[in-house]
Protein backbone atom coordinates (compact mmCIF):
# COMPACT_ATOMS: atom_id res chain seq x y z
CA PRO A 1 0.00 0.00 0.00
CA ILE A 2 1.04 3.57 -0.69
CA ALA A 3 0.69 5.75 2.39
CA SER A 4 3.05 8.62 1.56
CA GLU A 5 4.60 10.36 -1.40
CA GLU A 6 7.87 8.61 -0.62
CA ASP A 7 6.12 5.24 -1.01
CA ALA A 8 4.87 6.37 -4.43
CA LEU A 9 8.42 7.20 -5.48
CA HIS A 10 9.65 3.69 -4.64
CA VAL A 11 7.07 1.70 -6.62
CA ALA A 12 9.06 -0.71 -8.78
CA GLU A 13 6.75 -0.57 -11.81
CA MET A 14 4.29 2.27 -12.21
CA PRO A 15 0.81 1.34 -13.44
CA THR A 16 0.04 2.77 -16.88
CA PHE A 17 -3.65 1.80 -16.91
CA GLY A 18 -3.43 0.00 -20.23
CA GLY A 19 -0.97 2.49 -21.70
CA LEU A 20 -3.30 5.44 -21.10
CA LEU A 21 -0.86 7.19 -18.75
CA LEU A 22 2.91 7.42 -18.95
CA PRO A 23 4.82 6.03 -15.95
CA CYS A 24 5.82 9.58 -14.92
CA GLU A 25 2.15 10.64 -15.03
CA SER A 26 1.18 7.65 -12.89
CA GLU A 27 3.90 8.57 -10.41
CA GLN A 28 2.56 12.11 -10.30
CA LEU A 29 -0.99 10.84 -9.79
CA LEU A 30 0.03 8.48 -6.98
CA GLY A 31 1.87 11.34 -5.29
CA TYR A 32 -1.22 13.55 -5.54
CA LEU A 33 -3.39 10.87 -3.96
CA THR A 34 -1.26 11.00 -0.79
CA VAL A 35 -2.04 14.68 -0.11
CA PRO A 36 -5.45 14.83 1.61
CA TYR A 37 -6.53 18.44 1.16
CA LEU A 38 -4.81 19.20 -2.13
CA ARG A 39 -5.68 16.03 -4.01
CA VAL A 40 -8.92 17.42 -5.54
CA PRO A 41 -7.36 20.38 -7.39
CA LEU A 42 -4.16 18.48 -8.22
CA VAL A 43 -5.94 15.46 -9.72
CA LEU A 44 -8.36 17.68 -11.64
CA ARG A 45 -5.45 19.70 -13.00
CA LEU A 46 -3.67 16.50 -14.07
CA PHE A 47 -6.68 15.39 -16.14
CA ASN A 48 -7.32 18.89 -17.52
CA ASP A 49 -5.52 17.98 -20.73
CA ARG A 50 -6.92 16.48 -23.93
CA VAL A 51 -4.50 13.56 -23.92
CA ARG A 52 -4.92 12.70 -20.24
CA LEU A 53 -8.67 13.30 -20.33
CA SER A 54 -9.01 10.33 -22.68
CA ALA A 55 -7.34 8.20 -19.97
CA LEU A 56 -10.58 8.53 -18.00
CA ALA A 57 -12.03 5.92 -20.35
CA CYS A 58 -10.32 3.43 -18.01
CA PRO A 59 -12.79 2.22 -15.35
CA GLN A 60 -10.02 2.17 -12.69
CA LEU A 61 -9.23 5.84 -13.29
CA GLN A 62 -12.94 6.71 -13.33
CA ALA A 63 -13.38 5.02 -9.95
CA MET A 64 -10.29 6.79 -8.59
CA LEU A 65 -11.55 10.20 -9.75
CA ASP A 66 -14.98 9.47 -8.28
CA ALA A 67 -13.38 8.53 -4.96
CA VAL A 68 -11.23 11.68 -4.94
CA LEU A 69 -14.12 14.02 -5.74
CA PHE A 70 -16.71 12.52 -3.45
CA GLU A 71 -14.60 11.39 -0.49
CA PRO A 72 -16.50 12.75 2.49
CA GLY A 73 -13.53 13.35 4.79
CA PRO A 74 -13.97 14.70 8.31
CA PHE A 75 -17.41 16.20 8.88
CA GLN A 76 -18.13 19.61 10.37
CA GLU A 77 -21.62 20.83 11.19
CA ALA A 78 -22.61 23.70 8.89
CA TRP A 79 -23.51 25.89 11.86
CA ALA A 80 -20.28 25.17 13.76
CA PRO A 81 -17.62 27.87 13.80
CA PRO A 82 -14.55 27.04 11.74
CA PRO A 83 -11.74 25.53 13.79
CA GLN A 84 -8.87 27.68 14.94
CA CYS A 85 -5.98 27.60 12.50
CA PRO A 86 -3.09 25.85 14.22
CA SER A 87 0.07 27.90 14.61
CA VAL A 88 2.12 24.93 13.41
CA ALA A 89 1.13 22.60 10.58
CA PRO A 90 -0.40 19.51 12.24
CA LEU A 91 0.75 15.99 11.49
CA LEU A 92 -1.46 14.21 8.99
CA GLY A 93 -3.96 11.89 10.58
CA GLY A 94 -3.98 13.56 13.97
CA PRO A 95 -7.09 15.04 15.60
CA ILE A 96 -5.92 18.63 15.01
CA ALA A 97 -5.40 17.92 11.30
CA GLU A 98 -8.81 16.26 10.99
CA ALA A 99 -10.51 19.22 12.67
CA ALA A 100 -8.66 21.68 10.41
CA LEU A 101 -9.71 19.78 7.26
CA ALA A 102 -13.35 19.18 8.27
CA THR A 103 -16.10 20.42 5.96
CA PRO A 104 -19.91 20.30 6.10
CA ALA A 105 -20.32 18.97 2.54
CA GLY A 106 -17.18 17.07 1.52
CA ARG A 107 -13.91 18.25 0.04
CA PHE A 108 -15.12 18.68 -3.54
CA VAL A 109 -17.98 20.99 -2.60
CA HIS A 110 -15.66 22.83 -0.21
CA GLU A 111 -13.20 23.29 -3.07
CA LEU A 112 -15.95 24.62 -5.35
CA VAL A 113 -17.18 27.09 -2.74
CA ARG A 114 -13.85 28.25 -1.26
CA SER A 115 -11.32 27.94 -4.07
CA ALA A 116 -9.56 31.12 -5.08
CA ALA A 117 -9.53 30.09 -8.74
């Protein structure tokens, strides 16, 4: 299993999804999947290309994109005040990190509502 970006860098043979992605693109994708909050914009940017968009014909990549976009993540009540921003970046997977990344409607909707772009 790949739990960190370093794990993604040490995969012996990168999946190419039937030749639809180059090994370097697969490595990039696997690295993006290890970053909880940034994976939505990074994965969407990766497939925002005519050549890579056609790779989404692969059912495995479709399922991956679906999981990235609609992963619920930590839940925050809509009426709850946003958590205090920590003064130091929290470790991934800890309770402070989960509270900081919580959203009332999932990460994709949060990205649509709050994204600067």
